[in-house]
Amino acid sequence: MSEVVVVPKKNKKRLWLWITSISVVLIVIACFALSAYVGWNLTHPERETIFETPKKYGLEYKDISFKSRLDKVELKGWFIPAPSYNGVTIVVAHGYGKNRLQDDVPVMKLAQSLSGKGYNMVVFDFRNSGESGGDLTSVGQYEKYDLLGAIDWAGKNTEGKIALFGYSMGAATSLVTAAEAPEVGAVVADSPFNNLEDYLSENLSVWSGLPEFPFTPLIMMMIPPATGTDPSQVNPMKALEQIYPRPILFIHGKGDQSIPFKNSVSMAAKYPDTFELMLVDKADHVKSYITNPDAYVSRVDQFLQKTLGN
């Protein structure tokens, strides 16, 4: 008959303390590892393919390429000349994880309408998007220099005035870029955030798919030093001081679940004598155009003609 070993209560307490400590350490390690993995994927999103061209919409176009002002990353896009040019070239800046098509808008349908009203269009892929070079998405910090490169291309290859038209990340990037580009006459910003650092602190879970605590602070602590990014450098609200008195049209859906419409409201209120605000009932993120295309195009056209028209 085998002998039964009795573990003293004191040893049992130590055993459970050791097990608990090891479990806590493993949980902490798992949280850090998951945060690093998700954070890295957020700054390296999978590229969407270019699955159609402006030809599908009856538009003439030509392939273009140019360099980012920052590090000479090669960027690809299209120039869509208007059949009857009205003197304004619109440079379109797409959103996070998208490309020049921005198919959730969709930009090609919008380009068809705006081209018909006389606007030249420059549509391109930010770094790490579409057919452009680069392997990091910084949500505006480095994309600003890509957009400056697009403005350089438009300035050298077209005549007349330049307007920026951005969606989501591209809208915020358009604002911080316009602050450094006096040649930009006007900006249309659809669904922008007003401050990247604050926005991520409150809404990163929308993009990460993880609970806010403890993952949002962990991701924001780990990813900037690992990628060389700094969310505090993307501050559209501050950029407004350098843009003013140039005009901006803010467009935002009241049903936006990704970037609350209060972001646009707060920016439009800063200089109400020059900035305009269009809020669209029930429209989700970058869905204001598809909610009512005719009203959307009419408002954009009226804004640009009033501010940049000859």
Protein backbone atom coordinates (compact mmCIF):
# COMPACT_ATOMS: atom_id res chain seq x y z
CA MET A 1 0.00 0.00 0.00
CA SER A 2 1.46 3.37 -1.11
CA GLU A 3 2.17 6.08 1.40
CA VAL A 4 0.06 9.28 1.22
CA VAL A 5 2.16 12.45 1.21
CA VAL A 6 0.60 15.35 3.06
CA VAL A 7 1.70 18.82 1.88
CA PRO A 8 1.91 21.30 4.76
CA LYS A 9 -0.48 24.25 4.51
CA LYS A 10 2.46 26.65 4.43
CA ASN A 11 3.87 24.90 1.36
CA LYS A 12 0.44 24.86 -0.30
CA LYS A 13 0.21 28.63 0.14
CA ARG A 14 3.64 29.09 -1.44
CA LEU A 15 2.68 26.83 -4.33
CA TRP A 16 -0.47 28.77 -5.10
CA LEU A 17 1.42 32.07 -4.80
CA TRP A 18 4.00 30.78 -7.26
CA ILE A 19 1.31 29.57 -9.68
CA THR A 20 -0.54 32.89 -9.43
CA SER A 21 2.64 34.90 -10.02
CA ILE A 22 3.59 32.83 -13.04
CA SER A 23 0.05 33.19 -14.43
CA VAL A 24 0.14 36.98 -14.02
CA VAL A 25 3.52 37.18 -15.75
CA LEU A 26 2.26 35.03 -18.64
CA ILE A 27 -0.87 37.19 -19.01
CA VAL A 28 1.24 40.37 -19.05
CA ILE A 29 3.59 38.88 -21.65
CA ALA A 30 0.60 37.80 -23.75
CA CYS A 31 -0.90 41.32 -23.59
CA PHE A 32 2.38 42.89 -24.68
CA ALA A 33 2.84 40.34 -27.47
CA LEU A 34 -0.72 40.78 -28.76
CA SER A 35 -0.42 44.56 -28.59
CA ALA A 36 2.83 44.48 -30.55
CA TYR A 37 1.35 42.14 -33.16
CA VAL A 38 -1.83 44.15 -33.67
CA GLY A 39 0.00 47.49 -33.53
CA TRP A 40 2.46 46.34 -36.16
CA ASN A 41 -0.36 45.17 -38.41
CA LEU A 42 -2.13 48.51 -38.00
CA THR A 43 0.93 50.35 -39.30
CA HIS A 44 1.45 47.75 -42.04
CA PRO A 45 -2.07 47.15 -43.41
CA GLU A 46 -2.52 44.80 -46.34
CA ARG A 47 -2.65 46.65 -49.65
CA GLU A 48 -5.89 46.78 -51.60
CA THR A 49 -5.56 46.10 -55.31
CA ILE A 50 -6.35 48.54 -58.11
CA PHE A 51 -9.19 46.64 -59.75
CA GLU A 52 -10.50 49.25 -62.21
CA THR A 53 -9.46 52.41 -64.05
CA PRO A 54 -11.18 55.70 -64.93
CA LYS A 55 -11.83 54.26 -68.40
CA LYS A 56 -14.71 52.27 -66.90
CA TYR A 57 -16.42 55.60 -66.16
CA GLY A 58 -15.78 57.12 -69.58
CA LEU A 59 -12.88 59.24 -68.33
CA GLU A 60 -9.63 59.95 -70.11
CA TYR A 61 -6.59 59.49 -67.89
CA LYS A 62 -2.87 58.95 -67.85
CA ASP A 63 -0.63 57.08 -65.47
CA ILE A 64 1.62 59.33 -63.40
CA SER A 65 4.41 58.82 -60.90
CA PHE A 66 6.26 61.23 -58.64
CA LYS A 67 8.37 61.28 -55.50
CA SER A 68 7.40 62.01 -51.92
CA ARG A 69 9.08 65.14 -50.62
CA LEU A 70 10.26 63.30 -47.52
CA ASP A 71 12.32 60.32 -48.64
CA LYS A 72 11.74 60.08 -52.39
CA VAL A 73 9.39 57.10 -52.07
CA GLU A 74 7.92 56.54 -55.53
CA LEU A 75 4.18 57.17 -55.68
CA LYS A 76 1.76 56.08 -58.40
CA GLY A 77 -1.50 57.58 -59.55
CA TRP A 78 -3.63 58.92 -62.38
CA PHE A 79 -4.21 62.34 -63.87
CA ILE A 80 -7.78 62.76 -65.10
CA PRO A 81 -8.07 65.88 -67.30
CA ALA A 82 -11.45 67.58 -67.49
CA PRO A 83 -13.11 67.69 -70.93
CA SER A 84 -13.61 71.44 -70.39
CA TYR A 85 -11.18 72.67 -67.72
CA ASN A 86 -12.51 75.30 -65.31
CA GLY A 87 -9.12 76.27 -63.87
CA VAL A 88 -9.15 74.14 -60.69
CA THR A 89 -7.18 70.91 -60.20
CA ILE A 90 -8.34 68.70 -57.34
CA VAL A 91 -5.78 66.45 -55.64
CA VAL A 92 -7.54 63.55 -53.89
CA ALA A 93 -6.11 61.98 -50.70
CA HIS A 94 -7.49 58.56 -49.77
CA GLY A 95 -8.13 57.06 -46.35
CA TYR A 96 -6.38 54.52 -44.14
CA GLY A 97 -5.96 51.10 -45.70
CA LYS A 98 -7.47 52.23 -49.02
CA ASN A 99 -5.97 53.36 -52.34
CA ARG A 100 -6.69 55.89 -55.08
CA LEU A 101 -10.04 54.21 -55.84
CA GLN A 102 -11.37 54.66 -52.28
CA ASP A 103 -14.08 52.24 -53.33
CA ASP A 104 -16.18 52.78 -50.21
CA VAL A 105 -16.95 56.35 -51.38
CA PRO A 106 -16.58 55.52 -54.39
CA VAL A 107 -14.05 58.06 -55.68
CA MET A 108 -14.26 57.10 -59.37
CA LYS A 109 -17.97 57.87 -59.48
CA LEU A 110 -17.29 61.18 -57.75
CA ALA A 111 -14.44 61.91 -60.20
CA GLN A 112 -16.84 61.28 -63.07
CA SER A 113 -19.19 63.95 -61.74
CA LEU A 114 -16.50 66.50 -60.86
CA SER A 115 -14.67 65.99 -64.16
CA GLY A 116 -17.94 66.74 -65.93
CA LYS A 117 -18.07 70.04 -64.07
CA GLY A 118 -14.63 71.03 -65.34
CA TYR A 119 -12.24 69.92 -62.59
CA ASN A 120 -8.94 68.21 -63.35
CA MET A 121 -8.36 65.33 -60.92
CA VAL A 122 -5.13 63.91 -59.51
CA VAL A 123 -5.72 60.63 -57.66
CA PHE A 124 -2.80 58.67 -56.23
CA ASP A 125 -1.77 56.01 -53.73
CA PHE A 126 -0.11 57.02 -50.47
CA ARG A 127 2.98 55.08 -49.41
CA ASN A 128 2.33 51.46 -48.50
CA SER A 129 -0.92 51.62 -50.50
CA GLY A 130 -2.02 50.52 -53.94
CA GLU A 131 0.89 50.56 -56.38
CA SER A 132 3.10 53.05 -54.51
CA GLY A 133 6.35 52.23 -52.74
CA GLY A 134 6.99 52.22 -49.02
CA ASP A 135 6.09 49.73 -46.32
CA LEU A 136 4.70 51.82 -43.45
CA THR A 137 1.42 53.64 -42.90
CA SER A 138 1.76 56.48 -40.37
CA VAL A 139 -1.80 57.93 -40.57
CA GLY A 140 -0.64 61.34 -41.74
CA GLN A 141 2.86 61.91 -40.40
CA TYR A 142 4.72 60.69 -43.50
CA GLU A 143 1.72 60.80 -45.85
CA LYS A 144 1.87 64.59 -45.56
CA TYR A 145 5.06 64.52 -47.61
CA ASP A 146 3.44 62.20 -50.16
CA LEU A 147 0.64 64.72 -50.63
CA LEU A 148 3.19 67.52 -50.94
CA GLY A 149 4.75 65.48 -53.74
CA ALA A 150 1.36 65.26 -55.46
CA ILE A 151 0.94 69.02 -55.11
CA ASP A 152 4.39 69.48 -56.67
CA TRP A 153 3.32 67.31 -59.61
CA ALA A 154 0.08 69.27 -60.08
CA GLY A 155 1.93 72.57 -59.91
CA LYS A 156 4.37 71.52 -62.64
CA ASN A 157 1.88 69.82 -64.94
CA THR A 158 -1.31 71.85 -64.70
CA GLU A 159 -2.26 75.50 -64.78
CA GLY A 160 -4.66 77.27 -62.47
CA LYS A 161 -5.55 76.71 -58.83
CA ILE A 162 -5.12 73.66 -56.62
CA ALA A 163 -7.62 72.23 -54.13
CA LEU A 164 -7.19 69.24 -51.83
CA PHE A 165 -9.98 66.74 -51.30
CA GLY A 166 -9.40 64.14 -48.60
CA TYR A 167 -11.21 61.27 -46.94
CA SER A 168 -10.71 60.13 -43.33
CA MET A 169 -6.92 59.85 -42.85
CA GLY A 170 -6.57 61.62 -46.19
CA ALA A 171 -8.80 64.45 -44.98
CA ALA A 172 -6.69 64.97 -41.86
CA THR A 173 -3.54 64.71 -43.98
CA SER A 174 -4.94 67.31 -46.39
CA LEU A 175 -5.34 69.73 -43.50
CA VAL A 176 -1.84 69.30 -42.06
CA THR A 177 -0.44 69.49 -45.61
CA ALA A 178 -2.32 72.64 -46.59
CA ALA A 179 -0.78 74.35 -43.56
CA GLU A 180 2.62 73.91 -45.23
CA ALA A 181 1.53 74.47 -48.83
CA PRO A 182 0.41 78.05 -49.53
CA GLU A 183 -0.24 77.11 -53.16
CA VAL A 184 -3.32 75.15 -51.99
CA GLY A 185 -6.30 77.44 -52.38
CA ALA A 186 -9.00 75.39 -50.64
CA VAL A 187 -9.60 72.08 -48.87
CA VAL A 188 -12.56 69.70 -48.79
CA ALA A 189 -12.19 67.41 -45.76
CA ASP A 190 -14.61 64.49 -45.55
CA SER A 191 -14.65 62.66 -42.18
CA PRO A 192 -11.37 63.90 -40.65
CA PHE A 193 -10.16 63.54 -37.07
CA ASN A 194 -9.02 66.74 -35.37
CA ASN A 195 -6.02 65.40 -33.44
CA LEU A 196 -4.50 61.97 -34.06
CA GLU A 197 -3.10 61.42 -30.57
CA ASP A 198 -6.40 62.24 -28.88
CA TYR A 199 -8.39 60.34 -31.48
CA LEU A 200 -6.35 57.16 -31.05
CA SER A 201 -6.54 57.40 -27.26
CA GLU A 202 -10.33 57.38 -27.49
CA ASN A 203 -10.98 55.25 -30.58
CA LEU A 204 -8.06 52.92 -31.29
CA SER A 205 -10.19 49.93 -30.30
CA VAL A 206 -12.35 50.61 -33.38
CA TRP A 207 -9.38 49.73 -35.56
CA SER A 208 -7.56 47.21 -33.35
CA GLY A 209 -10.59 45.11 -32.51
CA LEU A 210 -9.24 44.77 -28.96
CA PRO A 211 -10.66 46.05 -25.65
CA GLU A 212 -9.57 49.59 -24.88
CA PHE A 213 -7.92 48.46 -21.63
CA PRO A 214 -5.18 47.40 -21.47
CA PHE A 215 -4.48 47.27 -25.20
CA THR A 216 -4.90 50.89 -26.36
CA PRO A 217 -2.28 52.32 -23.96
CA LEU A 218 0.04 49.37 -24.65
CA ILE A 219 -0.17 49.81 -28.43
CA MET A 220 0.34 53.57 -28.17
CA MET A 221 3.34 53.02 -25.93
CA MET A 222 5.02 50.33 -28.04
CA ILE A 223 4.42 51.20 -31.68
CA PRO A 224 5.80 54.76 -31.99
CA PRO A 225 9.37 53.84 -30.93
CA ALA A 226 9.21 50.62 -32.97
CA THR A 227 8.10 52.37 -36.18
CA GLY A 228 9.46 55.90 -35.79
CA THR A 229 5.97 57.38 -35.78
CA ASP A 230 4.71 60.17 -33.54
CA PRO A 231 0.92 60.71 -33.46
CA SER A 232 1.37 64.14 -31.85
CA GLN A 233 2.75 65.41 -35.17
CA VAL A 234 -0.61 64.91 -36.88
CA ASN A 235 -2.72 67.70 -35.44
CA PRO A 236 -5.25 69.10 -37.93
CA MET A 237 -6.77 71.41 -35.33
CA LYS A 238 -3.46 73.18 -34.88
CA ALA A 239 -2.89 73.25 -38.64
CA LEU A 240 -6.02 75.37 -39.07
CA GLU A 241 -4.11 78.37 -37.73
CA GLN A 242 -1.77 78.24 -40.72
CA ILE A 243 -4.51 77.49 -43.25
CA TYR A 244 -6.77 80.38 -42.25
CA PRO A 245 -8.08 82.49 -43.98
CA ARG A 246 -8.09 79.98 -46.84
CA PRO A 247 -11.47 78.21 -47.04
CA ILE A 248 -12.26 74.68 -45.88
CA LEU A 249 -15.43 72.65 -46.38
CA PHE A 250 -15.85 69.99 -43.69
CA ILE A 251 -18.18 67.10 -44.56
CA HIS A 252 -19.17 64.47 -42.02
CA GLY A 253 -21.87 61.88 -41.55
CA LYS A 254 -23.81 62.07 -38.30
CA GLY A 255 -23.86 58.28 -38.18
CA ASP A 256 -20.07 57.93 -38.41
CA GLN A 257 -19.05 55.03 -36.17
CA SER A 258 -15.31 55.32 -36.89
CA ILE A 259 -14.56 59.04 -36.50
CA PRO A 260 -17.30 60.90 -34.60
CA PHE A 261 -18.68 63.92 -36.43
CA LYS A 262 -17.81 66.13 -33.45
CA ASN A 263 -14.28 66.19 -34.89
CA SER A 264 -15.43 68.20 -37.91
CA VAL A 265 -17.81 70.32 -35.84
CA SER A 266 -14.97 71.42 -33.56
CA MET A 267 -12.73 72.39 -36.46
CA ALA A 268 -15.39 74.20 -38.48
CA ALA A 269 -16.23 76.27 -35.40
CA LYS A 270 -12.70 77.62 -35.10
CA TYR A 271 -13.01 80.06 -38.01
CA PRO A 272 -16.70 80.13 -38.97
CA ASP A 273 -16.22 83.17 -41.20
CA THR A 274 -14.22 81.05 -43.67
CA PHE A 275 -14.88 77.41 -42.80
CA GLU A 276 -18.06 75.61 -43.84
CA LEU A 277 -19.70 72.50 -42.42
CA MET A 278 -21.93 69.96 -44.13
CA LEU A 279 -23.41 67.30 -41.84
CA VAL A 280 -25.29 64.40 -43.40
CA ASP A 281 -27.96 62.61 -41.36
CA LYS A 282 -27.45 58.87 -40.83
CA ALA A 283 -24.38 58.68 -43.08
CA ASP A 284 -21.63 56.39 -41.75
CA HIS A 285 -17.89 56.88 -42.23
CA VAL A 286 -17.12 58.47 -45.66
CA LYS A 287 -20.67 57.60 -46.76
CA SER A 288 -21.99 61.13 -47.21
CA TYR A 289 -21.49 61.05 -50.99
CA ILE A 290 -23.27 57.75 -51.58
CA THR A 291 -26.11 58.85 -49.27
CA ASN A 292 -27.02 61.68 -51.66
CA PRO A 293 -24.61 62.01 -54.61
CA ASP A 294 -26.33 64.95 -56.29
CA ALA A 295 -26.48 67.09 -53.14
CA TYR A 296 -22.89 66.18 -52.28
CA VAL A 297 -21.46 67.10 -55.68
CA SER A 298 -23.54 70.28 -55.80
CA ARG A 299 -22.25 71.45 -52.41
CA VAL A 300 -18.62 70.70 -53.29
CA ASP A 301 -18.94 72.42 -56.68
CA GLN A 302 -20.59 75.50 -55.15
CA PHE A 303 -17.89 75.71 -52.49
CA LEU A 304 -15.01 75.46 -54.96
CA GLN A 305 -16.55 77.85 -57.45
CA LYS A 306 -17.28 80.40 -54.74
CA THR A 307 -13.78 80.22 -53.29
CA LEU A 308 -11.57 79.44 -56.30
CA GLY A 309 -13.70 80.18 -59.38
CA ASN A 310 -12.61 82.88 -61.80
